[in-house]
Amino acid sequence: GGLSRFSTKGLPAAQPERQSDLVVVLQGKGGTQWDDQYWQQVE
């Protein structure tokens, strides 16, 4: 199964409320073709 360092038996049951207008762009250290300027234009 998928292994996340955050998906553990110690996670709290309660989840924080979602922010309806928040979009998170997740870039790993392995490298992407994305840059900050592109996402500024998207916004």
PDB file of all heavy atoms in Angstrom:
ATOM      1  N   GLY A   1       0.826  -1.207   0.000  1.00  0.00           N
ATOM      2  CA  GLY A   1       0.000   0.000   0.000  1.00  0.00           C
ATOM      3  C   GLY A   1       0.855   1.249   0.000  1.00  0.00           C
ATOM      4  O   GLY A   1       2.071   1.202   0.248  1.00  0.00           O
ATOM      5  N   GLY A   2       0.234   2.374  -0.306  1.00  0.00           N
ATOM      6  CA  GLY A   2       0.943   3.646  -0.311  1.00  0.00           C
ATOM      7  C   GLY A   2       1.508   3.974   1.053  1.00  0.00           C
ATOM      8  O   GLY A   2       0.826   3.818   2.070  1.00  0.00           O
ATOM      9  N   LEU A   3       2.760   4.436   1.068  1.00  0.00           N
ATOM     10  CA  LEU A   3       3.449   4.704   2.333  1.00  0.00           C
ATOM     11  C   LEU A   3       3.704   6.202   2.465  1.00  0.00           C
ATOM     12  O   LEU A   3       4.496   6.772   1.730  1.00  0.00           O
ATOM     13  CB  LEU A   3       4.770   3.934   2.381  1.00  0.00           C
ATOM     14  CG  LEU A   3       5.480   3.782   3.724  1.00  0.00           C
ATOM     15  CD1 LEU A   3       6.568   2.700   3.618  1.00  0.00           C
ATOM     16  CD2 LEU A   3       6.123   5.079   4.203  1.00  0.00           C
ATOM     17  N   SER A   4       3.000   6.815   3.397  1.00  0.00           N
ATOM     18  CA  SER A   4       3.209   8.228   3.700  1.00  0.00           C
ATOM     19  C   SER A   4       3.733   8.380   5.116  1.00  0.00           C
ATOM     20  O   SER A   4       3.260   7.700   6.029  1.00  0.00           O
ATOM     21  CB  SER A   4       1.897   9.015   3.569  1.00  0.00           C
ATOM     22  OG  SER A   4       2.039  10.327   4.098  1.00  0.00           O
ATOM     23  N   ARG A   5       4.693   9.261   5.297  1.00  0.00           N
ATOM     24  CA  ARG A   5       5.194   9.510   6.658  1.00  0.00           C
ATOM     25  C   ARG A   5       4.118  10.133   7.530  1.00  0.00           C
ATOM     26  O   ARG A   5       4.220  10.144   8.752  1.00  0.00           O
ATOM     27  CB  ARG A   5       6.423  10.413   6.618  1.00  0.00           C
ATOM     28  CG  ARG A   5       6.180  11.777   5.998  1.00  0.00           C
ATOM     29  CD  ARG A   5       7.435  12.620   5.975  1.00  0.00           C
ATOM     30  NE  ARG A   5       7.272  13.812   5.172  1.00  0.00           N
ATOM     31  CZ  ARG A   5       7.735  15.001   5.516  1.00  0.00           C
ATOM     32  NH1 ARG A   5       8.388  15.163   6.653  1.00  0.00           N
ATOM     33  NH2 ARG A   5       7.574  16.033   4.718  1.00  0.00           N
ATOM     34  N   PHE A   6       3.046  10.658   6.934  1.00  0.00           N
ATOM     35  CA  PHE A   6       1.971  11.295   7.684  1.00  0.00           C
ATOM     36  C   PHE A   6       0.815  10.343   7.969  1.00  0.00           C
ATOM     37  O   PHE A   6      -0.051  10.661   8.769  1.00  0.00           O
ATOM     38  CB  PHE A   6       1.446  12.510   6.928  1.00  0.00           C
ATOM     39  CG  PHE A   6       2.510  13.511   6.580  1.00  0.00           C
ATOM     40  CD1 PHE A   6       2.805  13.801   5.269  1.00  0.00           C
ATOM     41  CD2 PHE A   6       3.230  14.147   7.579  1.00  0.00           C
ATOM     42  CE1 PHE A   6       3.790  14.719   4.939  1.00  0.00           C
ATOM     43  CE2 PHE A   6       4.226  15.056   7.271  1.00  0.00           C
ATOM     44  CZ  PHE A   6       4.504  15.347   5.944  1.00  0.00           C
ATOM     45  N   SER A   7       0.777   9.210   7.282  1.00  0.00           N
ATOM     46  CA  SER A   7      -0.310   8.269   7.491  1.00  0.00           C
ATOM     47  C   SER A   7       0.140   7.216   8.485  1.00  0.00           C
ATOM     48  O   SER A   7       0.610   6.149   8.137  1.00  0.00           O
ATOM     49  CB  SER A   7      -0.704   7.596   6.167  1.00  0.00           C
ATOM     50  OG  SER A   7      -1.738   6.671   6.375  1.00  0.00           O
ATOM     51  N   THR A   8       0.005   7.551   9.753  1.00  0.00           N
ATOM     52  CA  THR A   8       0.459   6.655  10.804  1.00  0.00           C
ATOM     53  C   THR A   8      -0.653   6.473  11.821  1.00  0.00           C
ATOM     54  O   THR A   8      -1.645   7.213  11.839  1.00  0.00           O
ATOM     55  CB  THR A   8       1.696   7.219  11.525  1.00  0.00           C
ATOM     56  OG1 THR A   8       1.308   8.392  12.266  1.00  0.00           O
ATOM     57  CG2 THR A   8       2.793   7.580  10.536  1.00  0.00           C
ATOM     58  N   LYS A   9      -0.451   5.493  12.685  1.00  0.00           N
ATOM     59  CA  LYS A   9      -1.458   5.235  13.719  1.00  0.00           C
ATOM     60  C   LYS A   9      -1.552   6.387  14.712  1.00  0.00           C
ATOM     61  O   LYS A   9      -2.522   6.489  15.447  1.00  0.00           O
ATOM     62  CB  LYS A   9      -1.101   3.932  14.434  1.00  0.00           C
ATOM     63  CG  LYS A   9      -1.254   2.706  13.549  1.00  0.00           C
ATOM     64  CD  LYS A   9      -0.362   1.570  13.964  1.00  0.00           C
ATOM     65  CE  LYS A   9       1.077   1.808  13.560  1.00  0.00           C
ATOM     66  NZ  LYS A   9       1.943   0.640  13.699  1.00  0.00           N
ATOM     67  N   GLY A  10      -0.546   7.281  14.697  1.00  0.00           N
ATOM     68  CA  GLY A  10      -0.549   8.386  15.644  1.00  0.00           C
ATOM     69  C   GLY A  10      -1.267   9.636  15.161  1.00  0.00           C
ATOM     70  O   GLY A  10      -1.332  10.634  15.873  1.00  0.00           O
ATOM     71  N   LEU A  11      -1.807   9.606  13.940  1.00  0.00           N
ATOM     72  CA  LEU A  11      -2.500  10.798  13.446  1.00  0.00           C
ATOM     73  C   LEU A  11      -3.754  11.071  14.254  1.00  0.00           C
ATOM     74  O   LEU A  11      -4.489  10.148  14.617  1.00  0.00           O
ATOM     75  CB  LEU A  11      -2.893  10.622  11.975  1.00  0.00           C
ATOM     76  CG  LEU A  11      -1.815  10.857  10.927  1.00  0.00           C
ATOM     77  CD1 LEU A  11      -2.385  10.576   9.547  1.00  0.00           C
ATOM     78  CD2 LEU A  11      -1.320  12.283  10.983  1.00  0.00           C
ATOM     79  N   PRO A  12      -4.049  12.348  14.572  1.00  0.00           N
ATOM     80  CA  PRO A  12      -5.289  12.656  15.288  1.00  0.00           C
ATOM     81  C   PRO A  12      -6.499  12.331  14.428  1.00  0.00           C
ATOM     82  O   PRO A  12      -6.468  12.429  13.207  1.00  0.00           O
ATOM     83  CB  PRO A  12      -5.178  14.168  15.538  1.00  0.00           C
ATOM     84  CG  PRO A  12      -4.230  14.669  14.492  1.00  0.00           C
ATOM     85  CD  PRO A  12      -3.270  13.543  14.249  1.00  0.00           C
ATOM     86  N   ALA A  13      -7.594  11.921  15.084  1.00  0.00           N
ATOM     87  CA  ALA A  13      -8.814  11.566  14.355  1.00  0.00           C
ATOM     88  C   ALA A  13      -9.460  12.800  13.728  1.00  0.00           C
ATOM     89  O   ALA A  13     -10.016  12.743  12.640  1.00  0.00           O
ATOM     90  CB  ALA A  13      -9.794  10.871  15.296  1.00  0.00           C
ATOM     91  N   ALA A  14      -9.387  13.919  14.433  1.00  0.00           N
ATOM     92  CA  ALA A  14     -10.038  15.140  13.934  1.00  0.00           C
ATOM     93  C   ALA A  14      -9.224  15.749  12.804  1.00  0.00           C
ATOM     94  O   ALA A  14      -8.003  15.865  12.896  1.00  0.00           O
ATOM     95  CB  ALA A  14     -10.198  16.140  15.066  1.00  0.00           C
ATOM     96  N   GLN A  15      -9.890  16.136  11.716  1.00  0.00           N
ATOM     97  CA  GLN A  15      -9.243  16.778  10.586  1.00  0.00           C
ATOM     98  C   GLN A  15      -9.541  18.277  10.615  1.00  0.00           C
ATOM     99  O   GLN A  15     -10.659  18.679  10.927  1.00  0.00           O
ATOM    100  CB  GLN A  15      -9.754  16.188   9.267  1.00  0.00           C
ATOM    101  CG  GLN A  15      -9.465  14.703   9.112  1.00  0.00           C
ATOM    102  CD  GLN A  15      -7.995  14.438   8.931  1.00  0.00           C
ATOM    103  OE1 GLN A  15      -7.299  15.132   8.209  1.00  0.00           O
ATOM    104  NE2 GLN A  15      -7.495  13.406   9.606  1.00  0.00           N
ATOM    105  N   PRO A  16      -8.578  19.139  10.287  1.00  0.00           N
ATOM    106  CA  PRO A  16      -8.856  20.577  10.270  1.00  0.00           C
ATOM    107  C   PRO A  16      -9.848  20.914   9.163  1.00  0.00           C
ATOM    108  O   PRO A  16      -9.972  20.198   8.177  1.00  0.00           O
ATOM    109  CB  PRO A  16      -7.476  21.188   9.983  1.00  0.00           C
ATOM    110  CG  PRO A  16      -6.703  20.108   9.317  1.00  0.00           C
ATOM    111  CD  PRO A  16      -7.197  18.829   9.893  1.00  0.00           C
ATOM    112  N   GLU A  17     -10.550  22.013   9.363  1.00  0.00           N
ATOM    113  CA  GLU A  17     -11.549  22.432   8.366  1.00  0.00           C
ATOM    114  C   GLU A  17     -10.847  22.869   7.088  1.00  0.00           C
ATOM    115  O   GLU A  17      -9.840  23.571   7.114  1.00  0.00           O
ATOM    116  CB  GLU A  17     -12.377  23.584   8.931  1.00  0.00           C
ATOM    117  CG  GLU A  17     -13.505  24.024   8.018  1.00  0.00           C
ATOM    118  CD  GLU A  17     -14.371  25.091   8.648  1.00  0.00           C
ATOM    119  OE1 GLU A  17     -14.215  25.327   9.857  1.00  0.00           O
ATOM    120  OE2 GLU A  17     -15.193  25.691   7.922  1.00  0.00           O
ATOM    121  N   ARG A  18     -11.391  22.452   5.962  1.00  0.00           N
ATOM    122  CA  ARG A  18     -10.797  22.823   4.680  1.00  0.00           C
ATOM    123  C   ARG A  18     -11.102  24.270   4.344  1.00  0.00           C
ATOM    124  O   ARG A  18     -12.172  24.784   4.637  1.00  0.00           O
ATOM    125  CB  ARG A  18     -11.291  21.898   3.574  1.00  0.00           C
ATOM    126  CG  ARG A  18     -10.889  20.454   3.793  1.00  0.00           C
ATOM    127  CD  ARG A  18     -10.750  19.714   2.479  1.00  0.00           C
ATOM    128  NE  ARG A  18     -10.353  18.324   2.699  1.00  0.00           N
ATOM    129  CZ  ARG A  18      -9.119  17.904   2.842  1.00  0.00           C
ATOM    130  NH1 ARG A  18      -8.122  18.775   2.775  1.00  0.00           N
ATOM    131  NH2 ARG A  18      -8.838  16.633   3.055  1.00  0.00           N
ATOM    132  N   GLN A  19     -10.120  24.898   3.723  1.00  0.00           N
ATOM    133  CA  GLN A  19     -10.261  26.283   3.271  1.00  0.00           C
ATOM    134  C   GLN A  19     -10.728  26.239   1.822  1.00  0.00           C
ATOM    135  O   GLN A  19     -10.000  25.812   0.935  1.00  0.00           O
ATOM    136  CB  GLN A  19      -8.915  27.001   3.392  1.00  0.00           C
ATOM    137  CG  GLN A  19      -8.973  28.489   3.128  1.00  0.00           C
ATOM    138  CD  GLN A  19      -7.622  29.148   3.374  1.00  0.00           C
ATOM    139  OE1 GLN A  19      -6.851  28.712   4.233  1.00  0.00           O
ATOM    140  NE2 GLN A  19      -7.332  30.197   2.615  1.00  0.00           N
ATOM    141  N   SER A  20     -11.951  26.677   1.575  1.00  0.00           N
ATOM    142  CA  SER A  20     -12.616  26.424   0.298  1.00  0.00           C
ATOM    143  C   SER A  20     -11.943  27.079  -0.898  1.00  0.00           C
ATOM    144  O   SER A  20     -12.188  26.693  -2.042  1.00  0.00           O
ATOM    145  CB  SER A  20     -14.081  26.887   0.367  1.00  0.00           C
ATOM    146  OG  SER A  20     -14.150  28.284   0.638  1.00  0.00           O
ATOM    147  N   ASP A  21     -11.073  28.083  -0.660  1.00  0.00           N
ATOM    148  CA  ASP A  21     -10.416  28.758  -1.790  1.00  0.00           C
ATOM    149  C   ASP A  21      -8.922  28.439  -1.878  1.00  0.00           C
ATOM    150  O   ASP A  21      -8.199  29.041  -2.667  1.00  0.00           O
ATOM    151  CB  ASP A  21     -10.604  30.267  -1.683  1.00  0.00           C
ATOM    152  CG  ASP A  21      -9.940  30.868  -0.447  1.00  0.00           C
ATOM    153  OD1 ASP A  21      -9.581  30.092   0.478  1.00  0.00           O
ATOM    154  OD2 ASP A  21      -9.777  32.098  -0.393  1.00  0.00           O
ATOM    155  N   LEU A  22      -8.448  27.465  -1.078  1.00  0.00           N
ATOM    156  CA  LEU A  22      -7.008  27.194  -1.010  1.00  0.00           C
ATOM    157  C   LEU A  22      -6.609  26.071  -1.967  1.00  0.00           C
ATOM    158  O   LEU A  22      -7.133  24.956  -1.900  1.00  0.00           O
ATOM    159  CB  LEU A  22      -6.608  26.810   0.413  1.00  0.00           C
ATOM    160  CG  LEU A  22      -5.131  26.430   0.624  1.00  0.00           C
ATOM    161  CD1 LEU A  22      -4.203  27.594   0.280  1.00  0.00           C
ATOM    162  CD2 LEU A  22      -4.895  25.958   2.062  1.00  0.00           C
ATOM    163  N   VAL A  23      -5.673  26.370  -2.855  1.00  0.00           N
ATOM    164  CA  VAL A  23      -5.078  25.380  -3.749  1.00  0.00           C
ATOM    165  C   VAL A  23      -3.596  25.275  -3.391  1.00  0.00           C
ATOM    166  O   VAL A  23      -2.885  26.289  -3.374  1.00  0.00           O
ATOM    167  CB  VAL A  23      -5.240  25.775  -5.228  1.00  0.00           C
ATOM    168  CG1 VAL A  23      -4.496  24.790  -6.130  1.00  0.00           C
ATOM    169  CG2 VAL A  23      -6.709  25.842  -5.612  1.00  0.00           C
ATOM    170  N   VAL A  24      -3.139  24.073  -3.114  1.00  0.00           N
ATOM    171  CA  VAL A  24      -1.736  23.841  -2.775  1.00  0.00           C
ATOM    172  C   VAL A  24      -1.044  23.166  -3.951  1.00  0.00           C
ATOM    173  O   VAL A  24      -1.520  22.146  -4.463  1.00  0.00           O
ATOM    174  CB  VAL A  24      -1.600  22.971  -1.507  1.00  0.00           C
ATOM    175  CG1 VAL A  24      -0.145  22.544  -1.294  1.00  0.00           C
ATOM    176  CG2 VAL A  24      -2.106  23.734  -0.292  1.00  0.00           C
ATOM    177  N   VAL A  25       0.047  23.760  -4.401  1.00  0.00           N
ATOM    178  CA  VAL A  25       0.887  23.154  -5.437  1.00  0.00           C
ATOM    179  C   VAL A  25       2.050  22.472  -4.729  1.00  0.00           C
ATOM    180  O   VAL A  25       2.844  23.124  -4.051  1.00  0.00           O
ATOM    181  CB  VAL A  25       1.403  24.210  -6.433  1.00  0.00           C
ATOM    182  CG1 VAL A  25       2.342  23.563  -7.445  1.00  0.00           C
ATOM    183  CG2 VAL A  25       0.238  24.890  -7.138  1.00  0.00           C
ATOM    184  N   LEU A  26       2.131  21.154  -4.872  1.00  0.00           N
ATOM    185  CA  LEU A  26       3.122  20.365  -4.157  1.00  0.00           C
ATOM    186  C   LEU A  26       4.235  19.970  -5.116  1.00  0.00           C
ATOM    187  O   LEU A  26       4.014  19.257  -6.090  1.00  0.00           O
ATOM    188  CB  LEU A  26       2.450  19.111  -3.576  1.00  0.00           C
ATOM    189  CG  LEU A  26       3.276  18.247  -2.627  1.00  0.00           C
ATOM    190  CD1 LEU A  26       3.686  19.019  -1.386  1.00  0.00           C
ATOM    191  CD2 LEU A  26       2.475  16.997  -2.250  1.00  0.00           C
ATOM    192  N   GLN A  27       5.441  20.449  -4.825  1.00  0.00           N
ATOM    193  CA  GLN A  27       6.604  20.134  -5.657  1.00  0.00           C
ATOM    194  C   GLN A  27       7.608  19.343  -4.834  1.00  0.00           C
ATOM    195  O   GLN A  27       8.065  19.803  -3.789  1.00  0.00           O
ATOM    196  CB  GLN A  27       7.269  21.417  -6.166  1.00  0.00           C
ATOM    197  CG  GLN A  27       6.359  22.278  -7.023  1.00  0.00           C
ATOM    198  CD  GLN A  27       7.112  23.454  -7.620  1.00  0.00           C
ATOM    199  OE1 GLN A  27       7.620  23.383  -8.718  1.00  0.00           O
ATOM    200  NE2 GLN A  27       7.183  24.542  -6.873  1.00  0.00           N
ATOM    201  N   GLY A  28       7.946  18.154  -5.299  1.00  0.00           N
ATOM    202  CA  GLY A  28       8.912  17.334  -4.590  1.00  0.00           C
ATOM    203  C   GLY A  28      10.333  17.773  -4.868  1.00  0.00           C
ATOM    204  O   GLY A  28      10.611  18.508  -5.826  1.00  0.00           O
ATOM    205  N   LYS A  29      11.277  17.288  -4.046  1.00  0.00           N
ATOM    206  CA  LYS A  29      12.690  17.618  -4.236  1.00  0.00           C
ATOM    207  C   LYS A  29      13.290  16.902  -5.433  1.00  0.00           C
ATOM    208  O   LYS A  29      14.369  17.239  -5.882  1.00  0.00           O
ATOM    209  CB  LYS A  29      13.481  17.263  -2.977  1.00  0.00           C
ATOM    210  CG  LYS A  29      13.264  18.218  -1.826  1.00  0.00           C
ATOM    211  CD  LYS A  29      14.128  17.843  -0.654  1.00  0.00           C
ATOM    212  CE  LYS A  29      15.605  18.096  -0.926  1.00  0.00           C
ATOM    213  NZ  LYS A  29      16.445  17.799   0.252  1.00  0.00           N
ATOM    214  N   GLY A  30      12.564  15.914  -5.965  1.00  0.00           N
ATOM    215  CA  GLY A  30      13.086  15.185  -7.100  1.00  0.00           C
ATOM    216  C   GLY A  30      13.107  15.991  -8.374  1.00  0.00           C
ATOM    217  O   GLY A  30      13.696  15.584  -9.372  1.00  0.00           O
ATOM    218  N   GLY A  31      12.462  17.163  -8.368  1.00  0.00           N
ATOM    219  CA  GLY A  31      12.518  18.039  -9.538  1.00  0.00           C
ATOM    220  C   GLY A  31      11.241  18.014 -10.357  1.00  0.00           C
ATOM    221  O   GLY A  31      10.605  16.984 -10.518  1.00  0.00           O
ATOM    222  N   THR A  32      10.817  19.184 -10.844  1.00  0.00           N
ATOM    223  CA  THR A  32       9.682  19.294 -11.742  1.00  0.00           C
ATOM    224  C   THR A  32      10.036  20.290 -12.834  1.00  0.00           C
ATOM    225  O   THR A  32      11.063  20.961 -12.781  1.00  0.00           O
ATOM    226  CB  THR A  32       8.410  19.802 -11.017  1.00  0.00           C
ATOM    227  OG1 THR A  32       8.610  21.168 -10.634  1.00  0.00           O
ATOM    228  CG2 THR A  32       8.093  18.965  -9.792  1.00  0.00           C
ATOM    229  N   GLN A  33       9.157  20.382 -13.807  1.00  0.00           N
ATOM    230  CA  GLN A  33       9.343  21.357 -14.873  1.00  0.00           C
ATOM    231  C   GLN A  33       8.606  22.657 -14.553  1.00  0.00           C
ATOM    232  O   GLN A  33       8.473  23.518 -15.408  1.00  0.00           O
ATOM    233  CB  GLN A  33       8.812  20.772 -16.192  1.00  0.00           C
ATOM    234  CG  GLN A  33       9.566  19.540 -16.654  1.00  0.00           C
ATOM    235  CD  GLN A  33       8.931  18.911 -17.872  1.00  0.00           C
ATOM    236  OE1 GLN A  33       7.723  18.932 -18.057  1.00  0.00           O
ATOM    237  NE2 GLN A  33       9.760  18.348 -18.734  1.00  0.00           N
ATOM    238  N   TRP A  34       8.139  22.820 -13.332  1.00  0.00           N
ATOM    239  CA  TRP A  34       7.315  23.954 -12.951  1.00  0.00           C
ATOM    240  C   TRP A  34       8.173  25.087 -12.404  1.00  0.00           C
ATOM    241  O   TRP A  34       9.276  24.878 -11.901  1.00  0.00           O
ATOM    242  CB  TRP A  34       6.299  23.537 -11.892  1.00  0.00           C
ATOM    243  CG  TRP A  34       5.454  22.365 -12.318  1.00  0.00           C
ATOM    244  CD1 TRP A  34       5.352  21.839 -13.579  1.00  0.00           C
ATOM    245  CD2 TRP A  34       4.633  21.559 -11.476  1.00  0.00           C
ATOM    246  NE1 TRP A  34       4.496  20.769 -13.572  1.00  0.00           N
ATOM    247  CE2 TRP A  34       4.038  20.569 -12.308  1.00  0.00           C
ATOM    248  CE3 TRP A  34       4.319  21.579 -10.125  1.00  0.00           C
ATOM    249  CZ2 TRP A  34       3.158  19.609 -11.822  1.00  0.00           C
ATOM    250  CZ3 TRP A  34       3.445  20.626  -9.642  1.00  0.00           C
ATOM    251  CH2 TRP A  34       2.868  19.659 -10.473  1.00  0.00           C
ATOM    252  N   ASP A  35       7.644  26.308 -12.487  1.00  0.00           N
ATOM    253  CA  ASP A  35       8.336  27.439 -11.871  1.00  0.00           C
ATOM    254  C   ASP A  35       7.301  28.362 -11.237  1.00  0.00           C
ATOM    255  O   ASP A  35       6.101  28.295 -11.516  1.00  0.00           O
ATOM    256  CB  ASP A  35       9.208  28.195 -12.877  1.00  0.00           C
ATOM    257  CG  ASP A  35       8.419  28.716 -14.080  1.00  0.00           C
ATOM    258  OD1 ASP A  35       7.296  29.235 -13.887  1.00  0.00           O
ATOM    259  OD2 ASP A  35       8.927  28.621 -15.200  1.00  0.00           O
ATOM    260  N   ASP A  36       7.799  29.232 -10.343  1.00  0.00           N
ATOM    261  CA  ASP A  36       6.915  30.119  -9.594  1.00  0.00           C
ATOM    262  C   ASP A  36       6.128  31.049 -10.507  1.00  0.00           C
ATOM    263  O   ASP A  36       4.955  31.347 -10.254  1.00  0.00           O
ATOM    264  CB  ASP A  36       7.733  30.947  -8.595  1.00  0.00           C
ATOM    265  CG  ASP A  36       8.318  30.088  -7.480  1.00  0.00           C
ATOM    266  OD1 ASP A  36       7.860  28.932  -7.321  1.00  0.00           O
ATOM    267  OD2 ASP A  36       9.228  30.558  -6.789  1.00  0.00           O
ATOM    268  N   GLN A  37       6.768  31.510 -11.560  1.00  0.00           N
ATOM    269  CA  GLN A  37       6.106  32.459 -12.456  1.00  0.00           C
ATOM    270  C   GLN A  37       4.845  31.859 -13.079  1.00  0.00           C
ATOM    271  O   GLN A  37       3.832  32.538 -13.224  1.00  0.00           O
ATOM    272  CB  GLN A  37       7.068  32.908 -13.546  1.00  0.00           C
ATOM    273  CG  GLN A  37       6.504  34.008 -14.449  1.00  0.00           C
ATOM    274  CD  GLN A  37       7.521  34.495 -15.464  1.00  0.00           C
ATOM    275  OE1 GLN A  37       8.604  33.948 -15.579  1.00  0.00           O
ATOM    276  NE2 GLN A  37       7.168  35.530 -16.198  1.00  0.00           N
ATOM    277  N   TYR A  38       4.913  30.579 -13.430  1.00  0.00           N
ATOM    278  CA  TYR A  38       3.748  29.930 -14.031  1.00  0.00           C
ATOM    279  C   TYR A  38       2.564  29.958 -13.064  1.00  0.00           C
ATOM    280  O   TYR A  38       1.434  30.297 -13.442  1.00  0.00           O
ATOM    281  CB  TYR A  38       4.086  28.495 -14.413  1.00  0.00           C
ATOM    282  CG  TYR A  38       2.905  27.727 -14.960  1.00  0.00           C
ATOM    283  CD1 TYR A  38       2.555  27.811 -16.297  1.00  0.00           C
ATOM    284  CD2 TYR A  38       2.119  26.919 -14.128  1.00  0.00           C
ATOM    285  CE1 TYR A  38       1.463  27.120 -16.807  1.00  0.00           C
ATOM    286  CE2 TYR A  38       1.032  26.222 -14.621  1.00  0.00           C
ATOM    287  CZ  TYR A  38       0.713  26.321 -15.961  1.00  0.00           C
ATOM    288  OH  TYR A  38      -0.374  25.632 -16.453  1.00  0.00           O
ATOM    289  N   TRP A  39       2.808  29.613 -11.793  1.00  0.00           N
ATOM    290  CA  TRP A  39       1.707  29.543 -10.833  1.00  0.00           C
ATOM    291  C   TRP A  39       1.196  30.927 -10.468  1.00  0.00           C
ATOM    292  O   TRP A  39       0.014  31.086 -10.132  1.00  0.00           O
ATOM    293  CB  TRP A  39       2.143  28.756  -9.602  1.00  0.00           C
ATOM    294  CG  TRP A  39       2.452  27.338  -9.964  1.00  0.00           C
ATOM    295  CD1 TRP A  39       3.663  26.733  -9.975  1.00  0.00           C
ATOM    296  CD2 TRP A  39       1.516  26.361 -10.447  1.00  0.00           C
ATOM    297  NE1 TRP A  39       3.562  25.442 -10.421  1.00  0.00           N
ATOM    298  CE2 TRP A  39       2.256  25.184 -10.721  1.00  0.00           C
ATOM    299  CE3 TRP A  39       0.147  26.374 -10.672  1.00  0.00           C
ATOM    300  CZ2 TRP A  39       1.651  24.025 -11.197  1.00  0.00           C
ATOM    301  CZ3 TRP A  39      -0.462  25.211 -11.152  1.00  0.00           C
ATOM    302  CH2 TRP A  39       0.289  24.066 -11.418  1.00  0.00           C
ATOM    303  N   GLN A  40       2.047  31.929 -10.544  1.00  0.00           N
ATOM    304  CA  GLN A  40       1.576  33.305 -10.353  1.00  0.00           C
ATOM    305  C   GLN A  40       0.612  33.694 -11.464  1.00  0.00           C
ATOM    306  O   GLN A  40      -0.401  34.369 -11.228  1.00  0.00           O
ATOM    307  CB  GLN A  40       2.774  34.260 -10.316  1.00  0.00           C
ATOM    308  CG  GLN A  40       3.636  34.103  -9.068  1.00  0.00           C
ATOM    309  CD  GLN A  40       4.972  34.832  -9.176  1.00  0.00           C
ATOM    310  OE1 GLN A  40       5.235  35.541 -10.155  1.00  0.00           O
ATOM    311  NE2 GLN A  40       5.822  34.658  -8.172  1.00  0.00           N
ATOM    312  N   GLN A  41       0.900  33.243 -12.682  1.00  0.00           N
ATOM    313  CA  GLN A  41      -0.010  33.509 -13.796  1.00  0.00           C
ATOM    314  C   GLN A  41      -1.314  32.741 -13.640  1.00  0.00           C
ATOM    315  O   GLN A  41      -2.397  33.264 -13.939  1.00  0.00           O
ATOM    316  CB  GLN A  41       0.669  33.133 -15.120  1.00  0.00           C
ATOM    317  CG  GLN A  41       1.840  34.031 -15.484  1.00  0.00           C
ATOM    318  CD  GLN A  41       2.553  33.549 -16.737  1.00  0.00           C
ATOM    319  OE1 GLN A  41       2.732  32.352 -16.949  1.00  0.00           O
ATOM    320  NE2 GLN A  41       2.939  34.483 -17.586  1.00  0.00           N
ATOM    321  N   VAL A  42      -1.221  31.499 -13.146  1.00  0.00           N
ATOM    322  CA  VAL A  42      -2.434  30.719 -12.908  1.00  0.00           C
ATOM    323  C   VAL A  42      -3.331  31.423 -11.896  1.00  0.00           C
ATOM    324  O   VAL A  42      -4.557  31.509 -12.080  1.00  0.00           O
ATOM    325  CB  VAL A  42      -2.078  29.303 -12.409  1.00  0.00           C
ATOM    326  CG1 VAL A  42      -3.336  28.560 -11.952  1.00  0.00           C
ATOM    327  CG2 VAL A  42      -1.374  28.511 -13.502  1.00  0.00           C
ATOM    328  N   GLU A  43      -2.728  31.970 -10.850  1.00  0.00           N
ATOM    329  CA  GLU A  43      -3.521  32.652  -9.824  1.00  0.00           C
ATOM    330  C   GLU A  43      -4.240  33.875 -10.385  1.00  0.00           C
ATOM    331  O   GLU A  43      -5.349  34.198  -9.980  1.00  0.00           O
ATOM    332  CB  GLU A  43      -2.625  33.048  -8.641  1.00  0.00           C
ATOM    333  CG  GLU A  43      -3.414  33.491  -7.419  1.00  0.00           C
ATOM    334  CD  GLU A  43      -2.560  33.554  -6.174  1.00  0.00           C
ATOM    335  OE1 GLU A  43      -1.354  33.865  -6.295  1.00  0.00           O
ATOM    336  OE2 GLU A  43      -3.082  33.288  -5.078  1.00  0.00           O
TER     337      GLU A  43
END
